[in-house]
Amino acid sequence: MDRSMQYTDVQDAERYGSKTDEYRRIQAEKYITAFMLELGVPAHLRGYHYLREAVYLSMLDMELVCSVTKLLYPEVAKIFHTSDQKVERAIRNAIEVSWERGKQEAFEELFGYSLAGGQGRPTNSEYIARVADKVRLDFMS
């Protein structure tokens, strides 16, 4: 992802103050959103919202990725008032759709392989971990 996609929204800075937690969360969500759209995750899917939240939470605490079924999915489910099974399924569907329809070059760069290479799609936890790590490194620098 090109550095020009990092946001410095003057209105948000004025509204929230440049160092507040809320401002940092908004900036992180904008960055995650831009990156997910670059990967081809359709915004109309419920899994898109769950995936964005999962990436954000994982970016803050990478330990969540080590136990997605016991820690991450239940946390996302609690935020969205749904079950962890529905969160898992919706995220899997969003990843499948982006894997089939998204930019192959972006997947190649992030994962080292793509659909064109004949390999299967990454698992939910692999996808979340790689995206969260990339966003964390890009956003925090």
C-alpha atoms as a PDB file:
ATOM      1  CA  MET A   1       0.000   0.000   0.000  1.00  0.00           C
ATOM      2  CA  ASP A   2       1.394   3.331  -0.935  1.00  0.00           C
ATOM      3  CA  ARG A   3       2.218   5.849   1.786  1.00  0.00           C
ATOM      4  CA  SER A   4      -0.172   8.397   0.250  1.00  0.00           C
ATOM      5  CA  MET A   5      -3.046   6.268   1.609  1.00  0.00           C
ATOM      6  CA  GLN A   6      -2.121   7.242   5.160  1.00  0.00           C
ATOM      7  CA  TYR A   7      -4.628   9.802   6.289  1.00  0.00           C
ATOM      8  CA  THR A   8      -4.072  13.103   8.038  1.00  0.00           C
ATOM      9  CA  ASP A   9      -7.612  14.410   8.162  1.00  0.00           C
ATOM     10  CA  VAL A  10      -7.503  17.971   9.465  1.00  0.00           C
ATOM     11  CA  GLN A  11     -11.200  17.970  10.380  1.00  0.00           C
ATOM     12  CA  ASP A  12     -10.810  14.831  12.512  1.00  0.00           C
ATOM     13  CA  ALA A  13      -7.734  16.303  14.191  1.00  0.00           C
ATOM     14  CA  GLU A  14      -9.630  19.489  15.013  1.00  0.00           C
ATOM     15  CA  ARG A  15     -12.698  17.580  16.193  1.00  0.00           C
ATOM     16  CA  TYR A  16     -10.933  15.010  18.391  1.00  0.00           C
ATOM     17  CA  GLY A  17      -7.525  16.486  19.085  1.00  0.00           C
ATOM     18  CA  SER A  18      -4.509  14.884  17.464  1.00  0.00           C
ATOM     19  CA  LYS A  19      -3.519  12.624  20.373  1.00  0.00           C
ATOM     20  CA  THR A  20      -6.763  11.219  21.689  1.00  0.00           C
ATOM     21  CA  ASP A  21      -7.533   7.522  21.576  1.00  0.00           C
ATOM     22  CA  GLU A  22     -10.681   8.208  19.586  1.00  0.00           C
ATOM     23  CA  TYR A  23      -8.741  10.097  16.924  1.00  0.00           C
ATOM     24  CA  ARG A  24      -6.151   7.309  16.658  1.00  0.00           C
ATOM     25  CA  ARG A  25      -8.929   4.720  16.338  1.00  0.00           C
ATOM     26  CA  ILE A  26     -10.592   6.692  13.538  1.00  0.00           C
ATOM     27  CA  GLN A  27      -7.288   7.039  11.693  1.00  0.00           C
ATOM     28  CA  ALA A  28      -6.573   3.318  12.122  1.00  0.00           C
ATOM     29  CA  GLU A  29     -10.050   2.377  10.882  1.00  0.00           C
ATOM     30  CA  LYS A  30      -9.617   4.579   7.812  1.00  0.00           C
ATOM     31  CA  TYR A  31      -6.299   2.934   7.060  1.00  0.00           C
ATOM     32  CA  ILE A  32      -7.678  -0.584   7.593  1.00  0.00           C
ATOM     33  CA  THR A  33     -10.707   0.239   5.425  1.00  0.00           C
ATOM     34  CA  ALA A  34      -8.526   1.506   2.576  1.00  0.00           C
ATOM     35  CA  PHE A  35      -6.324  -1.576   2.781  1.00  0.00           C
ATOM     36  CA  MET A  36      -9.259  -3.995   2.867  1.00  0.00           C
ATOM     37  CA  LEU A  37     -10.832  -2.294  -0.144  1.00  0.00           C
ATOM     38  CA  GLU A  38      -7.494  -2.587  -1.931  1.00  0.00           C
ATOM     39  CA  LEU A  39      -7.607  -6.336  -1.232  1.00  0.00           C
ATOM     40  CA  GLY A  40     -11.111  -6.450  -2.686  1.00  0.00           C
ATOM     41  CA  VAL A  41     -13.202  -7.138   0.418  1.00  0.00           C
ATOM     42  CA  PRO A  42     -16.718  -5.949  -0.559  1.00  0.00           C
ATOM     43  CA  ALA A  43     -18.056  -3.378   1.907  1.00  0.00           C
ATOM     44  CA  HIS A  44     -21.648  -4.628   1.614  1.00  0.00           C
ATOM     45  CA  LEU A  45     -20.852  -7.951   3.316  1.00  0.00           C
ATOM     46  CA  ARG A  46     -21.442  -8.315   7.041  1.00  0.00           C
ATOM     47  CA  GLY A  47     -18.067 -10.062   7.258  1.00  0.00           C
ATOM     48  CA  TYR A  48     -16.392  -6.876   6.043  1.00  0.00           C
ATOM     49  CA  HIS A  49     -17.360  -5.090   9.268  1.00  0.00           C
ATOM     50  CA  TYR A  50     -16.418  -8.074  11.432  1.00  0.00           C
ATOM     51  CA  LEU A  51     -13.110  -8.439   9.613  1.00  0.00           C
ATOM     52  CA  ARG A  52     -12.283  -4.736   9.986  1.00  0.00           C
ATOM     53  CA  GLU A  53     -12.933  -4.952  13.731  1.00  0.00           C
ATOM     54  CA  ALA A  54     -10.941  -8.195  14.030  1.00  0.00           C
ATOM     55  CA  VAL A  55      -7.980  -6.602  12.236  1.00  0.00           C
ATOM     56  CA  TYR A  56      -8.185  -3.523  14.469  1.00  0.00           C
ATOM     57  CA  LEU A  57      -8.316  -5.580  17.676  1.00  0.00           C
ATOM     58  CA  SER A  58      -5.483  -7.813  16.439  1.00  0.00           C
ATOM     59  CA  MET A  59      -3.420  -4.772  15.520  1.00  0.00           C
ATOM     60  CA  LEU A  60      -3.686  -3.628  19.143  1.00  0.00           C
ATOM     61  CA  ASP A  61      -2.972  -7.089  20.576  1.00  0.00           C
ATOM     62  CA  MET A  62      -1.379  -9.651  18.232  1.00  0.00           C
ATOM     63  CA  GLU A  63      -1.942 -12.356  20.875  1.00  0.00           C
ATOM     64  CA  LEU A  64      -5.617 -12.444  19.825  1.00  0.00           C
ATOM     65  CA  VAL A  65      -4.585 -14.048  16.537  1.00  0.00           C
ATOM     66  CA  CYS A  66      -3.130 -17.006  18.432  1.00  0.00           C
ATOM     67  CA  SER A  67      -6.601 -17.948  19.618  1.00  0.00           C
ATOM     68  CA  VAL A  68      -9.166 -16.614  17.190  1.00  0.00           C
ATOM     69  CA  THR A  69     -11.942 -19.011  18.206  1.00  0.00           C
ATOM     70  CA  LYS A  70     -11.561 -18.504  21.953  1.00  0.00           C
ATOM     71  CA  LEU A  71     -10.626 -14.821  22.126  1.00  0.00           C
ATOM     72  CA  LEU A  72     -11.045 -12.868  18.897  1.00  0.00           C
ATOM     73  CA  TYR A  73     -14.378 -14.113  17.506  1.00  0.00           C
ATOM     74  CA  PRO A  74     -16.176 -13.854  20.871  1.00  0.00           C
ATOM     75  CA  GLU A  75     -14.878 -10.285  21.308  1.00  0.00           C
ATOM     76  CA  VAL A  76     -16.066  -9.257  17.829  1.00  0.00           C
ATOM     77  CA  ALA A  77     -19.389 -11.058  18.413  1.00  0.00           C
ATOM     78  CA  LYS A  78     -19.905  -9.153  21.656  1.00  0.00           C
ATOM     79  CA  ILE A  79     -19.284  -5.816  19.893  1.00  0.00           C
ATOM     80  CA  PHE A  80     -21.790  -6.634  17.130  1.00  0.00           C
ATOM     81  CA  HIS A  81     -24.324  -8.466  19.355  1.00  0.00           C
ATOM     82  CA  THR A  82     -24.130 -11.758  17.486  1.00  0.00           C
ATOM     83  CA  SER A  83     -22.609 -15.220  17.933  1.00  0.00           C
ATOM     84  CA  ASP A  84     -18.969 -16.110  17.427  1.00  0.00           C
ATOM     85  CA  GLN A  85     -20.016 -18.795  14.895  1.00  0.00           C
ATOM     86  CA  LYS A  86     -21.732 -16.159  12.748  1.00  0.00           C
ATOM     87  CA  VAL A  87     -18.651 -13.929  12.992  1.00  0.00           C
ATOM     88  CA  GLU A  88     -16.373 -16.773  11.883  1.00  0.00           C
ATOM     89  CA  ARG A  89     -18.587 -17.692   8.938  1.00  0.00           C
ATOM     90  CA  ALA A  90     -19.088 -14.106   7.773  1.00  0.00           C
ATOM     91  CA  ILE A  91     -15.339 -13.410   7.929  1.00  0.00           C
ATOM     92  CA  ARG A  92     -14.616 -16.613   6.012  1.00  0.00           C
ATOM     93  CA  ASN A  93     -17.120 -15.594   3.336  1.00  0.00           C
ATOM     94  CA  ALA A  94     -15.620 -12.087   3.032  1.00  0.00           C
ATOM     95  CA  ILE A  95     -12.132 -13.570   2.664  1.00  0.00           C
ATOM     96  CA  GLU A  96     -13.329 -16.068   0.030  1.00  0.00           C
ATOM     97  CA  VAL A  97     -14.993 -13.317  -2.005  1.00  0.00           C
ATOM     98  CA  SER A  98     -11.946 -11.043  -1.835  1.00  0.00           C
ATOM     99  CA  TRP A  99      -9.655 -13.965  -2.686  1.00  0.00           C
ATOM    100  CA  GLU A 100     -11.656 -14.726  -5.830  1.00  0.00           C
ATOM    101  CA  ARG A 101     -12.417 -11.156  -6.957  1.00  0.00           C
ATOM    102  CA  GLY A 102      -9.674  -9.014  -5.410  1.00  0.00           C
ATOM    103  CA  LYS A 103      -6.417  -7.713  -6.821  1.00  0.00           C
ATOM    104  CA  GLN A 104      -4.107 -10.671  -7.283  1.00  0.00           C
ATOM    105  CA  GLU A 105      -1.043  -8.401  -7.090  1.00  0.00           C
ATOM    106  CA  ALA A 106      -2.057  -7.228  -3.616  1.00  0.00           C
ATOM    107  CA  PHE A 107      -2.408 -10.836  -2.411  1.00  0.00           C
ATOM    108  CA  GLU A 108       0.883 -11.776  -4.022  1.00  0.00           C
ATOM    109  CA  GLU A 109       2.617  -8.918  -2.201  1.00  0.00           C
ATOM    110  CA  LEU A 110       1.000  -9.599   1.178  1.00  0.00           C
ATOM    111  CA  PHE A 111       0.903 -13.407   1.250  1.00  0.00           C
ATOM    112  CA  GLY A 112       3.551 -14.372  -1.309  1.00  0.00           C
ATOM    113  CA  TYR A 113       0.958 -16.256  -3.343  1.00  0.00           C
ATOM    114  CA  SER A 114      -2.390 -15.680  -5.002  1.00  0.00           C
ATOM    115  CA  LEU A 115      -5.312 -17.467  -6.623  1.00  0.00           C
ATOM    116  CA  ALA A 116      -3.419 -17.360  -9.930  1.00  0.00           C
ATOM    117  CA  GLY A 117      -0.622 -19.403  -8.328  1.00  0.00           C
ATOM    118  CA  GLY A 118      -3.013 -22.288  -7.732  1.00  0.00           C
ATOM    119  CA  GLN A 119      -2.797 -22.249  -3.953  1.00  0.00           C
ATOM    120  CA  GLY A 120      -5.863 -22.176  -1.746  1.00  0.00           C
ATOM    121  CA  ARG A 121      -6.988 -19.084   0.075  1.00  0.00           C
ATOM    122  CA  PRO A 122      -5.398 -18.219   3.420  1.00  0.00           C
ATOM    123  CA  THR A 123      -7.179 -19.272   6.604  1.00  0.00           C
ATOM    124  CA  ASN A 124      -9.118 -16.681   8.577  1.00  0.00           C
ATOM    125  CA  SER A 125      -6.409 -16.434  11.222  1.00  0.00           C
ATOM    126  CA  GLU A 126      -3.615 -16.190   8.628  1.00  0.00           C
ATOM    127  CA  TYR A 127      -5.483 -13.471   6.736  1.00  0.00           C
ATOM    128  CA  ILE A 128      -6.252 -11.489   9.893  1.00  0.00           C
ATOM    129  CA  ALA A 129      -2.697 -11.876  11.218  1.00  0.00           C
ATOM    130  CA  ARG A 130      -1.018 -10.766   7.987  1.00  0.00           C
ATOM    131  CA  VAL A 131      -3.328  -7.801   7.433  1.00  0.00           C
ATOM    132  CA  ALA A 132      -3.124  -6.723  11.101  1.00  0.00           C
ATOM    133  CA  ASP A 133       0.661  -6.976  11.085  1.00  0.00           C
ATOM    134  CA  LYS A 134       0.979  -4.986   7.855  1.00  0.00           C
ATOM    135  CA  VAL A 135      -1.434  -2.317   9.060  1.00  0.00           C
ATOM    136  CA  ARG A 136       0.278  -2.145  12.461  1.00  0.00           C
ATOM    137  CA  LEU A 137       3.707  -1.713  10.903  1.00  0.00           C
ATOM    138  CA  ASP A 138       2.528   0.837   8.313  1.00  0.00           C
ATOM    139  CA  PHE A 139       0.181   2.767  10.569  1.00  0.00           C
ATOM    140  CA  MET A 140       2.365   2.922  13.663  1.00  0.00           C
ATOM    141  CA  SER A 141       5.482   4.051  11.794  1.00  0.00           C
END
